[in-house]
Amino acid sequence: MLLLLLIIVMTGCSKKDKALIETHLISSEIDKVVVVTSMGNPKYGADSKTIMNSEEIEQFVETFNSAKIGKRVKDADVGVAMPSHYYFYSKGEVISKFTFNGDNSHIIWFNDSYHYVEYDDKVKRPYELYQDSTAQIEVVDEKGNRMKRPID
């Protein structure tokens, strides 16, 4: 009886991984992934890439589908940084948006607070995929519109 009670208590208290995405993304349904990196001074915009290569999209989908939400990040542990954004499009519409603390793709804005995020060991992290992408870097403003970076 004591053993049964212990098993019930341990099972009820065990931490279950919570998937970042309730319904997995399907790479064949994604037209493009737009990544807007962390912006410093809005006057200079942010680097951005529009990824349309199907192999690269598949890597992003695999990475985000593997993501699990970890524990909440203490406010003192959140770095002071502008967010970076990852937008997944299907048929011209945003179907998923992810916001990270700066370019660090280990801390994500989820349910009104920052949480650690863990990925499968076999996949690259989102920012690594952004860096490796063959898409051209564009400079965008805070609303995602292309702009020219001023020369000082």
Foldseek 3Di string as FASTA:
>chain_A
DVVVVVVVVCVVPDDDWAQPDPDQDDLVQWQWKKKWAWDDPLLQFTKIFIGRPSVLSVLVSLFNRQKTWAAFDPPVPQDPTGKMKIFTDGPRDTPDMWIARGLDQQWTCDPNGITGMDGDPVGDGPSVSVVPGPTDIFGAGPVRHGDHGDDD
